[in-house]
N, C-alpha and C. Protein backbone atom coordinates (compact mmCIF):
# COMPACT_ATOMS: atom_id res chain seq x y z
N MET A 1 -11.33 -37.18 8.89
CA MET A 1 -9.94 -36.79 8.66
C MET A 1 -9.84 -35.67 7.62
N LYS A 2 -10.60 -35.84 6.54
CA LYS A 2 -10.59 -34.81 5.50
C LYS A 2 -11.10 -33.48 6.05
N ARG A 3 -12.15 -33.56 6.90
CA ARG A 3 -12.69 -32.33 7.48
C ARG A 3 -11.67 -31.65 8.38
N PHE A 4 -10.95 -32.45 9.14
CA PHE A 4 -9.92 -31.89 10.02
C PHE A 4 -8.82 -31.22 9.20
N LEU A 5 -8.37 -31.88 8.13
CA LEU A 5 -7.33 -31.31 7.29
C LEU A 5 -7.80 -30.01 6.63
N MET A 6 -9.07 -29.99 6.19
CA MET A 6 -9.62 -28.78 5.57
C MET A 6 -9.64 -27.62 6.57
N ARG A 7 -10.05 -27.91 7.79
CA ARG A 7 -10.07 -26.86 8.81
C ARG A 7 -8.65 -26.36 9.12
N ALA A 8 -7.71 -27.31 9.19
CA ALA A 8 -6.33 -26.92 9.46
C ALA A 8 -5.79 -26.02 8.35
N VAL A 9 -6.10 -26.36 7.10
CA VAL A 9 -5.65 -25.54 5.97
C VAL A 9 -6.26 -24.15 6.03
N LEU A 10 -7.56 -24.08 6.36
CA LEU A 10 -8.24 -22.78 6.45
C LEU A 10 -7.64 -21.92 7.56
N VAL A 11 -7.31 -22.55 8.68
CA VAL A 11 -6.69 -21.82 9.79
C VAL A 11 -5.33 -21.27 9.37
N ILE A 12 -4.54 -22.11 8.70
CA ILE A 12 -3.21 -21.67 8.26
C ILE A 12 -3.33 -20.52 7.26
N VAL A 13 -4.26 -20.65 6.30
CA VAL A 13 -4.46 -19.59 5.31
C VAL A 13 -4.88 -18.29 6.00
N ALA A 14 -5.77 -18.40 7.00
CA ALA A 14 -6.24 -17.22 7.72
C ALA A 14 -5.08 -16.55 8.47
N LEU A 15 -4.25 -17.37 9.12
CA LEU A 15 -3.11 -16.82 9.87
C LEU A 15 -2.11 -16.14 8.94
N VAL A 16 -1.86 -16.76 7.78
CA VAL A 16 -0.96 -16.16 6.81
C VAL A 16 -1.52 -14.84 6.31
N GLY A 17 -2.85 -14.82 6.07
CA GLY A 17 -3.49 -13.59 5.62
C GLY A 17 -3.38 -12.47 6.64
N VAL A 18 -3.61 -12.79 7.90
CA VAL A 18 -3.50 -11.79 8.97
C VAL A 18 -2.07 -11.28 9.08
N ALA A 19 -1.10 -12.21 9.02
CA ALA A 19 0.30 -11.81 9.11
C ALA A 19 0.69 -10.92 7.93
N PHE A 20 0.22 -11.26 6.73
CA PHE A 20 0.54 -10.47 5.54
C PHE A 20 -0.05 -9.07 5.66
N TYR A 21 -1.29 -8.99 6.16
CA TYR A 21 -1.92 -7.68 6.34
C TYR A 21 -1.15 -6.85 7.36
N ALA A 22 -0.79 -7.47 8.48
CA ALA A 22 -0.06 -6.74 9.52
C ALA A 22 1.30 -6.28 9.01
N LEU A 23 1.92 -7.09 8.18
CA LEU A 23 3.26 -6.80 7.69
C LEU A 23 3.27 -5.67 6.67
N PHE A 24 2.25 -5.63 5.79
CA PHE A 24 2.29 -4.69 4.68
C PHE A 24 1.20 -3.61 4.70
N PHE A 25 0.10 -3.84 5.42
CA PHE A 25 -1.03 -2.92 5.30
C PHE A 25 -1.45 -2.27 6.62
N SER A 26 -0.93 -2.72 7.75
CA SER A 26 -1.30 -2.09 9.02
C SER A 26 -0.71 -0.68 9.06
N SER A 27 -1.37 0.20 9.81
CA SER A 27 -0.95 1.60 9.85
C SER A 27 0.40 1.72 10.56
N ARG A 28 1.25 2.60 10.04
CA ARG A 28 2.55 2.85 10.63
C ARG A 28 2.47 4.00 11.61
N PRO A 29 3.42 4.08 12.54
CA PRO A 29 3.48 5.25 13.43
C PRO A 29 3.68 6.51 12.60
N PRO A 30 3.27 7.66 13.12
CA PRO A 30 3.47 8.91 12.37
C PRO A 30 4.95 9.19 12.14
N LEU A 31 5.23 9.88 11.04
CA LEU A 31 6.60 10.28 10.74
C LEU A 31 6.99 11.42 11.68
N THR A 32 7.92 11.16 12.58
CA THR A 32 8.29 12.17 13.57
C THR A 32 9.71 12.70 13.38
N THR A 33 10.40 12.24 12.34
CA THR A 33 11.73 12.76 12.06
C THR A 33 11.65 14.26 11.76
N ASP A 34 12.53 15.03 12.35
CA ASP A 34 12.57 16.48 12.10
C ASP A 34 12.64 16.73 10.59
N PRO A 35 11.67 17.49 10.02
CA PRO A 35 11.68 17.76 8.57
C PRO A 35 12.99 18.36 8.07
N ALA A 36 13.62 19.22 8.89
CA ALA A 36 14.89 19.82 8.48
C ALA A 36 16.00 18.77 8.39
N THR A 37 15.92 17.76 9.24
CA THR A 37 16.90 16.68 9.20
C THR A 37 16.74 15.86 7.92
N LEU A 38 15.50 15.55 7.57
CA LEU A 38 15.24 14.80 6.35
C LEU A 38 15.61 15.59 5.10
N ALA A 39 15.36 16.90 5.13
CA ALA A 39 15.62 17.75 3.96
C ALA A 39 17.10 18.03 3.78
N GLY A 40 17.87 17.99 4.86
CA GLY A 40 19.28 18.32 4.79
C GLY A 40 20.10 17.26 4.07
N ASP A 41 21.33 17.62 3.74
CA ASP A 41 22.22 16.74 2.98
C ASP A 41 23.30 16.16 3.90
N GLY A 42 23.14 14.89 4.26
CA GLY A 42 24.10 14.25 5.13
C GLY A 42 25.33 13.72 4.42
N SER A 43 25.39 13.92 3.10
CA SER A 43 26.54 13.41 2.35
C SER A 43 27.74 14.34 2.41
N GLN A 44 27.56 15.54 2.94
CA GLN A 44 28.64 16.53 2.95
C GLN A 44 29.40 16.57 4.27
N ILE A 45 29.08 15.68 5.19
CA ILE A 45 29.66 15.72 6.53
C ILE A 45 30.91 14.85 6.61
N ASP A 46 31.88 15.30 7.39
CA ASP A 46 33.06 14.50 7.69
C ASP A 46 32.73 13.64 8.92
N TYR A 47 32.50 12.36 8.70
CA TYR A 47 32.07 11.48 9.78
C TYR A 47 33.22 10.93 10.62
N CYS A 48 34.43 11.36 10.31
CA CYS A 48 35.55 11.01 11.17
C CYS A 48 35.71 12.04 12.30
N VAL A 49 34.96 13.13 12.21
CA VAL A 49 34.92 14.13 13.28
C VAL A 49 33.64 13.90 14.08
N LEU A 50 33.78 13.31 15.25
CA LEU A 50 32.62 12.92 16.06
C LEU A 50 32.37 13.95 17.16
N PRO A 51 31.09 14.22 17.47
CA PRO A 51 30.78 15.18 18.52
C PRO A 51 31.21 14.69 19.89
N GLU A 52 31.55 15.61 20.77
CA GLU A 52 31.90 15.26 22.14
C GLU A 52 30.63 14.94 22.93
N LEU A 53 30.63 13.83 23.61
CA LEU A 53 29.49 13.46 24.45
C LEU A 53 29.77 13.92 25.88
N ASP A 54 29.58 15.23 26.09
CA ASP A 54 30.00 15.84 27.35
C ASP A 54 28.84 16.48 28.12
N ASN A 55 27.61 16.13 27.75
CA ASN A 55 26.42 16.65 28.44
C ASN A 55 26.22 18.15 28.24
N SER A 56 26.86 18.73 27.23
CA SER A 56 26.72 20.16 27.01
C SER A 56 25.50 20.52 26.16
N GLY A 57 24.89 19.54 25.53
CA GLY A 57 23.74 19.79 24.66
C GLY A 57 22.51 19.01 25.09
N LYS A 58 21.75 18.55 24.12
CA LYS A 58 20.50 17.83 24.42
C LYS A 58 20.78 16.40 24.87
N ARG A 59 19.78 15.85 25.56
CA ARG A 59 19.79 14.43 25.92
C ARG A 59 18.99 13.66 24.89
N ALA A 60 19.15 12.36 24.85
CA ALA A 60 18.45 11.53 23.87
C ALA A 60 16.94 11.73 23.94
N VAL A 61 16.42 11.84 25.15
CA VAL A 61 14.98 11.94 25.35
C VAL A 61 14.40 13.26 24.84
N ASP A 62 15.25 14.23 24.56
CA ASP A 62 14.79 15.55 24.10
C ASP A 62 14.59 15.61 22.58
N ILE A 63 15.02 14.57 21.86
CA ILE A 63 15.04 14.62 20.40
C ILE A 63 13.98 13.69 19.82
N PRO A 64 13.18 14.16 18.84
CA PRO A 64 12.14 13.31 18.23
C PRO A 64 12.72 12.03 17.64
N LYS A 65 11.92 10.99 17.65
CA LYS A 65 12.34 9.71 17.08
C LYS A 65 12.52 9.83 15.58
N GLY A 66 13.55 9.18 15.06
CA GLY A 66 13.76 9.15 13.61
C GLY A 66 13.12 7.91 13.01
N ASN A 67 12.40 8.07 11.93
CA ASN A 67 11.88 6.92 11.20
C ASN A 67 11.86 7.21 9.70
N THR A 68 11.66 6.20 8.91
CA THR A 68 11.80 6.30 7.47
C THR A 68 10.56 6.91 6.83
N PRO A 69 10.74 7.90 5.96
CA PRO A 69 9.59 8.44 5.22
C PRO A 69 9.18 7.48 4.11
N GLY A 70 7.92 7.03 4.13
CA GLY A 70 7.47 6.06 3.13
C GLY A 70 8.23 4.76 3.25
N CYS A 71 8.68 4.24 2.11
CA CYS A 71 9.48 3.01 2.10
C CYS A 71 10.97 3.28 2.00
N SER A 72 11.36 4.56 1.81
CA SER A 72 12.77 4.87 1.65
C SER A 72 12.97 6.38 1.61
N TYR A 73 14.06 6.88 2.17
CA TYR A 73 14.39 8.29 1.97
C TYR A 73 14.94 8.46 0.56
N SER A 74 14.86 9.67 0.02
CA SER A 74 15.27 9.94 -1.36
C SER A 74 16.74 10.36 -1.46
N HIS A 75 17.31 10.83 -0.33
CA HIS A 75 18.73 11.17 -0.28
C HIS A 75 19.20 10.98 1.15
N PHE A 76 20.50 10.89 1.34
CA PHE A 76 21.06 10.62 2.66
C PHE A 76 20.83 11.82 3.58
N PRO A 77 20.02 11.65 4.63
CA PRO A 77 19.64 12.80 5.47
C PRO A 77 20.73 13.19 6.47
N LEU A 78 20.51 14.31 7.12
CA LEU A 78 21.40 14.74 8.19
C LEU A 78 21.28 13.80 9.39
N PRO A 79 22.27 13.78 10.28
CA PRO A 79 22.19 12.94 11.47
C PRO A 79 21.00 13.29 12.36
N ILE A 80 20.37 12.27 12.91
CA ILE A 80 19.21 12.44 13.80
C ILE A 80 19.66 13.02 15.15
N LEU A 81 20.81 12.56 15.63
CA LEU A 81 21.27 12.91 16.98
C LEU A 81 22.36 13.98 16.99
N ALA A 82 22.36 14.83 15.98
CA ALA A 82 23.44 15.83 15.84
C ALA A 82 23.59 16.72 17.06
N GLN A 83 22.49 17.02 17.75
CA GLN A 83 22.55 17.94 18.89
C GLN A 83 22.63 17.22 20.23
N CYS A 84 22.73 15.90 20.20
CA CYS A 84 22.75 15.13 21.45
C CYS A 84 24.18 14.94 21.93
N THR A 85 24.44 15.26 23.19
CA THR A 85 25.78 15.10 23.77
C THR A 85 25.75 14.27 25.06
N GLU A 86 24.71 13.48 25.24
CA GLU A 86 24.59 12.64 26.43
C GLU A 86 25.62 11.50 26.35
N PRO A 87 26.42 11.29 27.38
CA PRO A 87 27.42 10.21 27.36
C PRO A 87 26.78 8.84 27.19
N LEU A 88 27.52 7.91 26.60
CA LEU A 88 27.01 6.57 26.38
C LEU A 88 26.80 5.85 27.70
N VAL A 89 25.82 4.96 27.72
CA VAL A 89 25.52 4.19 28.93
C VAL A 89 26.61 3.16 29.18
N ASP A 90 26.68 2.68 30.41
CA ASP A 90 27.62 1.62 30.75
C ASP A 90 27.35 0.38 29.89
N GLY A 91 28.39 -0.26 29.44
CA GLY A 91 28.24 -1.48 28.63
C GLY A 91 28.18 -1.23 27.14
N ALA A 92 28.07 0.05 26.75
CA ALA A 92 27.98 0.39 25.32
C ALA A 92 29.37 0.65 24.76
N ASP A 93 29.63 0.12 23.57
CA ASP A 93 30.86 0.46 22.86
C ASP A 93 30.54 1.64 21.94
N ASP A 94 31.56 2.38 21.56
CA ASP A 94 31.36 3.55 20.70
C ASP A 94 31.50 3.11 19.24
N LEU A 95 30.35 2.94 18.57
CA LEU A 95 30.33 2.51 17.17
C LEU A 95 30.05 3.67 16.24
N ARG A 96 30.04 4.87 16.75
CA ARG A 96 29.62 6.03 15.96
C ARG A 96 30.51 6.24 14.74
N GLY A 97 29.85 6.70 13.67
CA GLY A 97 30.60 7.03 12.47
C GLY A 97 29.96 6.43 11.23
N LEU A 98 30.70 6.49 10.14
CA LEU A 98 30.25 5.98 8.84
C LEU A 98 31.09 4.76 8.51
N TRP A 99 30.42 3.67 8.10
CA TRP A 99 31.10 2.40 7.89
C TRP A 99 30.77 1.85 6.51
N LYS A 100 31.77 1.27 5.87
CA LYS A 100 31.58 0.68 4.54
C LYS A 100 32.06 -0.77 4.56
N ALA A 101 31.19 -1.68 4.08
CA ALA A 101 31.52 -3.11 4.08
C ALA A 101 32.59 -3.42 3.04
N TYR A 102 33.50 -4.32 3.41
CA TYR A 102 34.54 -4.75 2.47
C TYR A 102 34.59 -6.27 2.35
N GLU A 103 33.83 -6.97 3.20
CA GLU A 103 33.87 -8.43 3.18
C GLU A 103 32.58 -8.98 3.77
N GLY A 104 32.07 -10.08 3.17
CA GLY A 104 30.92 -10.75 3.75
C GLY A 104 29.66 -10.65 2.92
N ARG A 105 28.54 -10.92 3.58
CA ARG A 105 27.25 -11.04 2.90
C ARG A 105 26.82 -9.75 2.22
N HIS A 106 27.09 -8.60 2.84
CA HIS A 106 26.59 -7.32 2.30
C HIS A 106 27.75 -6.44 1.83
N ALA A 107 28.56 -6.97 0.94
CA ALA A 107 29.68 -6.20 0.41
C ALA A 107 29.17 -4.91 -0.23
N ASN A 108 29.89 -3.83 0.00
CA ASN A 108 29.59 -2.49 -0.51
C ASN A 108 28.49 -1.77 0.26
N HIS A 109 27.95 -2.41 1.31
CA HIS A 109 26.97 -1.76 2.18
C HIS A 109 27.62 -0.59 2.92
N VAL A 110 26.88 0.50 3.07
CA VAL A 110 27.35 1.66 3.84
C VAL A 110 26.30 2.03 4.87
N GLU A 111 26.72 2.27 6.10
CA GLU A 111 25.76 2.67 7.13
C GLU A 111 26.37 3.72 8.06
N ARG A 112 25.50 4.55 8.58
CA ARG A 112 25.89 5.55 9.58
C ARG A 112 25.34 5.11 10.93
N VAL A 113 26.20 5.11 11.93
CA VAL A 113 25.77 4.76 13.29
C VAL A 113 25.88 6.00 14.16
N GLU A 114 24.78 6.35 14.81
CA GLU A 114 24.76 7.45 15.77
C GLU A 114 24.43 6.90 17.15
N GLN A 115 25.01 7.48 18.18
CA GLN A 115 24.73 7.06 19.55
C GLN A 115 24.79 8.26 20.49
N CYS A 116 23.94 8.21 21.49
CA CYS A 116 24.08 9.06 22.68
C CYS A 116 23.20 8.47 23.75
N GLY A 117 23.69 8.49 24.98
CA GLY A 117 22.95 7.83 26.06
C GLY A 117 22.76 6.36 25.73
N SER A 118 21.52 5.88 25.83
CA SER A 118 21.20 4.50 25.47
C SER A 118 20.52 4.42 24.10
N ARG A 119 20.60 5.51 23.35
CA ARG A 119 19.92 5.57 22.05
C ARG A 119 20.91 5.28 20.92
N THR A 120 20.44 4.53 19.92
CA THR A 120 21.24 4.20 18.75
C THR A 120 20.40 4.38 17.50
N VAL A 121 20.97 5.02 16.49
CA VAL A 121 20.29 5.22 15.21
C VAL A 121 21.19 4.70 14.10
N ILE A 122 20.64 3.83 13.26
CA ILE A 122 21.38 3.31 12.12
C ILE A 122 20.65 3.73 10.84
N THR A 123 21.37 4.43 9.98
CA THR A 123 20.81 4.93 8.72
C THR A 123 21.57 4.28 7.57
N ALA A 124 20.83 3.59 6.71
CA ALA A 124 21.47 2.86 5.61
C ALA A 124 20.42 2.36 4.63
N ALA A 125 20.81 2.28 3.36
CA ALA A 125 19.98 1.64 2.33
C ALA A 125 18.55 2.18 2.29
N GLY A 126 18.40 3.47 2.53
CA GLY A 126 17.09 4.09 2.43
C GLY A 126 16.27 4.08 3.69
N ILE A 127 16.77 3.48 4.78
CA ILE A 127 15.96 3.35 5.99
C ILE A 127 16.66 3.98 7.19
N ILE A 128 15.85 4.33 8.20
CA ILE A 128 16.33 4.90 9.46
C ILE A 128 15.78 4.06 10.60
N HIS A 129 16.64 3.35 11.30
CA HIS A 129 16.23 2.55 12.46
C HIS A 129 16.72 3.26 13.72
N ASP A 130 15.79 3.65 14.58
CA ASP A 130 16.10 4.45 15.76
C ASP A 130 15.55 3.76 17.00
N TYR A 131 16.43 3.37 17.92
CA TYR A 131 16.01 2.75 19.17
C TYR A 131 16.47 3.59 20.35
N GLY A 132 15.58 3.70 21.35
CA GLY A 132 15.97 4.33 22.60
C GLY A 132 15.03 5.45 22.99
N PRO A 133 15.28 6.08 24.14
CA PRO A 133 14.42 7.15 24.64
C PRO A 133 14.40 8.33 23.69
N ASN A 134 13.20 8.91 23.48
CA ASN A 134 13.03 10.03 22.56
C ASN A 134 11.83 10.84 23.00
N SER A 135 11.54 11.92 22.29
CA SER A 135 10.48 12.83 22.73
C SER A 135 9.14 12.58 22.06
N THR A 136 9.03 11.57 21.18
CA THR A 136 7.79 11.43 20.42
C THR A 136 7.16 10.04 20.42
N LEU A 137 7.94 8.97 20.35
CA LEU A 137 7.38 7.63 20.24
C LEU A 137 8.04 6.68 21.23
N GLY A 138 7.71 5.38 21.14
CA GLY A 138 8.24 4.40 22.07
C GLY A 138 9.71 4.08 21.83
N LEU A 139 10.24 3.16 22.64
CA LEU A 139 11.65 2.82 22.57
C LEU A 139 12.01 2.07 21.30
N ASN A 140 11.23 1.04 20.95
CA ASN A 140 11.60 0.15 19.86
C ASN A 140 11.58 0.85 18.50
N THR A 141 12.39 0.33 17.58
CA THR A 141 12.26 0.78 16.19
C THR A 141 10.93 0.25 15.67
N LYS A 142 10.18 1.07 15.02
CA LYS A 142 8.93 0.64 14.37
C LYS A 142 8.98 1.20 12.96
N ASP A 143 9.61 0.42 12.09
CA ASP A 143 9.96 0.98 10.81
C ASP A 143 9.68 -0.01 9.68
N VAL A 144 10.44 0.06 8.61
CA VAL A 144 10.23 -0.79 7.44
C VAL A 144 11.55 -1.41 7.00
N GLU A 145 11.44 -2.37 6.11
CA GLU A 145 12.63 -2.97 5.50
C GLU A 145 12.95 -2.29 4.17
N GLY A 146 12.51 -1.05 4.04
CA GLY A 146 12.80 -0.30 2.82
C GLY A 146 12.25 -0.99 1.60
N GLN A 147 13.04 -1.08 0.57
CA GLN A 147 12.60 -1.69 -0.68
C GLN A 147 13.14 -3.10 -0.84
N VAL A 148 13.61 -3.69 0.25
CA VAL A 148 14.06 -5.08 0.21
C VAL A 148 12.89 -5.99 -0.13
N VAL A 149 11.77 -5.77 0.54
CA VAL A 149 10.52 -6.50 0.24
C VAL A 149 9.43 -5.46 0.08
N SER A 150 9.09 -5.13 -1.15
CA SER A 150 8.08 -4.10 -1.39
C SER A 150 7.36 -4.35 -2.70
N PHE A 151 6.19 -3.73 -2.82
CA PHE A 151 5.40 -3.82 -4.05
C PHE A 151 4.45 -2.64 -4.08
N GLU A 152 3.86 -2.40 -5.24
CA GLU A 152 2.91 -1.31 -5.38
C GLU A 152 1.49 -1.87 -5.41
N PHE A 153 0.60 -1.24 -4.65
CA PHE A 153 -0.81 -1.68 -4.59
C PHE A 153 -1.71 -0.46 -4.60
N LEU A 154 -2.58 -0.39 -5.60
CA LEU A 154 -3.49 0.75 -5.76
C LEU A 154 -2.73 2.07 -5.76
N GLY A 155 -1.61 2.07 -6.46
CA GLY A 155 -0.84 3.30 -6.61
C GLY A 155 0.00 3.70 -5.42
N LYS A 156 0.07 2.84 -4.40
CA LYS A 156 0.85 3.15 -3.20
C LYS A 156 1.89 2.08 -2.95
N GLN A 157 3.10 2.51 -2.65
CA GLN A 157 4.17 1.56 -2.36
C GLN A 157 3.97 0.94 -0.99
N ARG A 158 4.04 -0.39 -0.95
CA ARG A 158 3.91 -1.13 0.30
C ARG A 158 5.23 -1.82 0.60
N CYS A 159 5.66 -1.75 1.86
CA CYS A 159 6.91 -2.40 2.24
C CYS A 159 6.74 -3.04 3.62
N ALA A 160 7.55 -4.05 3.88
CA ALA A 160 7.40 -4.84 5.11
C ALA A 160 7.71 -4.02 6.36
N ARG A 161 6.84 -4.13 7.35
CA ARG A 161 7.05 -3.48 8.64
C ARG A 161 8.08 -4.25 9.46
N THR A 162 8.82 -3.54 10.29
CA THR A 162 9.76 -4.18 11.21
C THR A 162 9.65 -3.52 12.59
N SER A 163 10.06 -4.25 13.59
CA SER A 163 10.14 -3.70 14.95
C SER A 163 11.23 -4.46 15.70
N ALA A 164 12.07 -3.71 16.39
CA ALA A 164 13.16 -4.35 17.11
C ALA A 164 13.66 -3.44 18.22
N SER A 165 14.34 -4.06 19.15
CA SER A 165 15.07 -3.30 20.17
C SER A 165 16.57 -3.48 19.92
N MET A 166 17.37 -2.53 20.39
CA MET A 166 18.82 -2.63 20.29
C MET A 166 19.37 -2.55 21.71
N ILE A 167 19.80 -3.68 22.24
CA ILE A 167 20.21 -3.78 23.63
C ILE A 167 21.70 -4.09 23.72
N TRP A 168 22.42 -3.31 24.55
CA TRP A 168 23.84 -3.54 24.73
C TRP A 168 24.09 -4.71 25.68
N ASN A 169 25.00 -5.57 25.27
CA ASN A 169 25.36 -6.74 26.06
C ASN A 169 26.88 -6.87 26.06
N ASP A 170 27.53 -6.27 27.05
CA ASP A 170 28.99 -6.31 27.17
C ASP A 170 29.68 -5.87 25.88
N GLY A 171 29.30 -4.71 25.38
CA GLY A 171 29.93 -4.15 24.20
C GLY A 171 29.41 -4.66 22.88
N VAL A 172 28.42 -5.54 22.92
CA VAL A 172 27.79 -6.06 21.71
C VAL A 172 26.37 -5.52 21.62
N LEU A 173 26.01 -4.98 20.45
CA LEU A 173 24.67 -4.43 20.26
C LEU A 173 23.77 -5.52 19.69
N ASP A 174 22.85 -6.03 20.52
CA ASP A 174 21.94 -7.11 20.13
C ASP A 174 20.62 -6.54 19.64
N PHE A 175 20.17 -7.02 18.48
CA PHE A 175 18.88 -6.63 17.93
C PHE A 175 17.87 -7.74 18.23
N HIS A 176 16.87 -7.43 19.06
CA HIS A 176 15.83 -8.40 19.41
C HIS A 176 14.59 -8.13 18.57
N ILE A 177 14.14 -9.12 17.81
CA ILE A 177 12.97 -8.95 16.97
C ILE A 177 11.74 -8.65 17.82
N PHE A 178 10.95 -7.68 17.41
CA PHE A 178 9.75 -7.22 18.11
C PHE A 178 10.06 -6.67 19.50
N GLY A 179 11.32 -6.47 19.79
CA GLY A 179 11.69 -5.89 21.08
C GLY A 179 11.91 -6.88 22.18
N VAL A 180 11.26 -8.02 22.13
CA VAL A 180 11.36 -9.01 23.21
C VAL A 180 11.71 -10.39 22.69
N GLY A 181 11.82 -10.53 21.38
CA GLY A 181 12.10 -11.83 20.78
C GLY A 181 13.57 -12.18 20.82
N PRO A 182 13.95 -13.24 20.11
CA PRO A 182 15.36 -13.65 20.09
C PRO A 182 16.25 -12.65 19.36
N VAL A 183 17.53 -12.77 19.59
CA VAL A 183 18.50 -11.91 18.90
C VAL A 183 18.63 -12.37 17.46
N VAL A 184 18.40 -11.45 16.52
CA VAL A 184 18.47 -11.79 15.09
C VAL A 184 19.69 -11.16 14.41
N VAL A 185 20.20 -10.08 15.00
CA VAL A 185 21.36 -9.39 14.45
C VAL A 185 22.22 -8.89 15.61
N ARG A 186 23.54 -8.90 15.42
CA ARG A 186 24.47 -8.35 16.40
C ARG A 186 25.47 -7.46 15.68
N ARG A 187 25.87 -6.38 16.34
CA ARG A 187 26.94 -5.53 15.84
C ARG A 187 27.97 -5.34 16.94
N TYR A 188 29.24 -5.44 16.56
CA TYR A 188 30.30 -5.31 17.56
C TYR A 188 31.62 -4.98 16.86
N ARG A 189 32.55 -4.44 17.64
CA ARG A 189 33.86 -4.09 17.14
C ARG A 189 34.78 -5.32 17.16
N GLU A 190 35.59 -5.43 16.14
CA GLU A 190 36.63 -6.46 16.07
C GLU A 190 37.89 -5.76 15.59
N GLY A 191 38.70 -5.31 16.53
CA GLY A 191 39.82 -4.45 16.17
C GLY A 191 39.28 -3.12 15.69
N GLU A 192 39.71 -2.70 14.49
CA GLU A 192 39.22 -1.45 13.91
C GLU A 192 37.97 -1.65 13.07
N ASP A 193 37.53 -2.89 12.90
CA ASP A 193 36.36 -3.19 12.07
C ASP A 193 35.07 -3.17 12.89
N LEU A 194 33.97 -2.91 12.20
CA LEU A 194 32.64 -3.10 12.76
C LEU A 194 32.06 -4.35 12.10
N VAL A 195 31.63 -5.31 12.91
CA VAL A 195 31.10 -6.58 12.40
C VAL A 195 29.59 -6.60 12.56
N TRP A 196 28.91 -6.98 11.49
CA TRP A 196 27.45 -7.12 11.44
C TRP A 196 27.17 -8.61 11.28
N GLU A 197 26.58 -9.21 12.30
CA GLU A 197 26.41 -10.66 12.33
C GLU A 197 24.93 -11.05 12.43
N TYR A 198 24.51 -12.00 11.59
CA TYR A 198 23.15 -12.52 11.62
C TYR A 198 23.06 -13.76 12.50
N ALA A 199 21.83 -14.14 12.83
CA ALA A 199 21.61 -15.29 13.70
C ALA A 199 22.15 -16.58 13.10
N ASP A 200 22.22 -16.65 11.76
CA ASP A 200 22.74 -17.86 11.12
C ASP A 200 24.26 -17.88 11.06
N GLY A 201 24.91 -16.88 11.65
CA GLY A 201 26.36 -16.83 11.70
C GLY A 201 27.02 -16.07 10.56
N ALA A 202 26.25 -15.70 9.53
CA ALA A 202 26.81 -14.94 8.42
C ALA A 202 27.22 -13.55 8.90
N THR A 203 28.36 -13.07 8.44
CA THR A 203 28.86 -11.78 8.90
C THR A 203 29.20 -10.86 7.73
N THR A 204 29.20 -9.57 8.03
CA THR A 204 29.70 -8.54 7.12
C THR A 204 30.68 -7.70 7.92
N LYS A 205 31.88 -7.49 7.37
CA LYS A 205 32.89 -6.68 8.05
C LYS A 205 32.97 -5.32 7.38
N MET A 206 33.01 -4.27 8.21
CA MET A 206 33.01 -2.90 7.72
C MET A 206 34.20 -2.12 8.25
N ARG A 207 34.69 -1.18 7.43
CA ARG A 207 35.75 -0.28 7.83
C ARG A 207 35.21 1.14 7.89
N ARG A 208 35.80 1.94 8.75
CA ARG A 208 35.39 3.33 8.90
C ARG A 208 35.78 4.14 7.67
N VAL A 209 34.86 4.99 7.19
CA VAL A 209 35.14 5.94 6.13
C VAL A 209 34.70 7.31 6.61
N CYS A 210 35.30 8.35 6.06
CA CYS A 210 35.01 9.71 6.53
C CYS A 210 33.88 10.38 5.76
N THR A 211 33.73 10.03 4.49
CA THR A 211 32.69 10.67 3.66
C THR A 211 31.86 9.62 2.95
N LEU A 212 30.63 9.98 2.67
CA LEU A 212 29.71 9.07 2.01
C LEU A 212 30.13 8.86 0.56
N PRO A 213 30.31 7.61 0.13
CA PRO A 213 30.65 7.35 -1.27
C PRO A 213 29.59 7.89 -2.21
N GLU A 214 30.02 8.37 -3.36
CA GLU A 214 29.10 8.95 -4.34
C GLU A 214 27.96 8.00 -4.70
N SER A 215 28.26 6.73 -4.78
CA SER A 215 27.25 5.74 -5.19
C SER A 215 26.14 5.56 -4.18
N HIS A 216 26.30 6.07 -2.96
CA HIS A 216 25.30 5.89 -1.90
C HIS A 216 24.57 7.19 -1.57
N ARG A 217 24.75 8.21 -2.32
CA ARG A 217 24.16 9.50 -1.96
C ARG A 217 22.66 9.58 -2.18
N LEU A 218 22.11 8.73 -3.02
CA LEU A 218 20.67 8.73 -3.23
C LEU A 218 19.96 7.75 -2.30
N ARG A 219 20.72 6.85 -1.67
CA ARG A 219 20.12 5.86 -0.79
C ARG A 219 21.02 5.61 0.38
């Protein structure tokens, strides 16, 4: 019995070690975000003026995938899909714009939502999550949790890896962990509000704002 318990403990420790390595030390996909987009200042844009999705410009598949540089961007970047004018797919609601939380778990949170075709990009809190067809990488977001869970090791910042898909389900944007797992986050409109809902039922309600608040310009 003792031998069995010892083996079970060793197996669990080994699995935890492998998971920890994969989460913090496995190689990330290359940074494919347009350097000019990252260098630009997205805090000066009026986000209440939305581009027309009239097929006059690029399609989602023509634009490189956006992902986070390191564990966090240093300032709020320009929109990833600025040149995309592909109409939204059937079943998608239009969540585009800049949103600021006023109630719930993540009060004072600010996020930018971009959409075209079946592609969705959410930029907030130092991270860029981009799902959908693009010109450089796969469909799923393959990114990080920013500095929510991070530490420094041998002079390099390490942060938790994430991967998810964003699938439309009758006007609700479902986030599936690892692309095929259960729904862990949902976003949907409730009147004029944008609701961010976790699997445990906790919600954050957001209102549309036109300009990035000063307090969020560095992250």
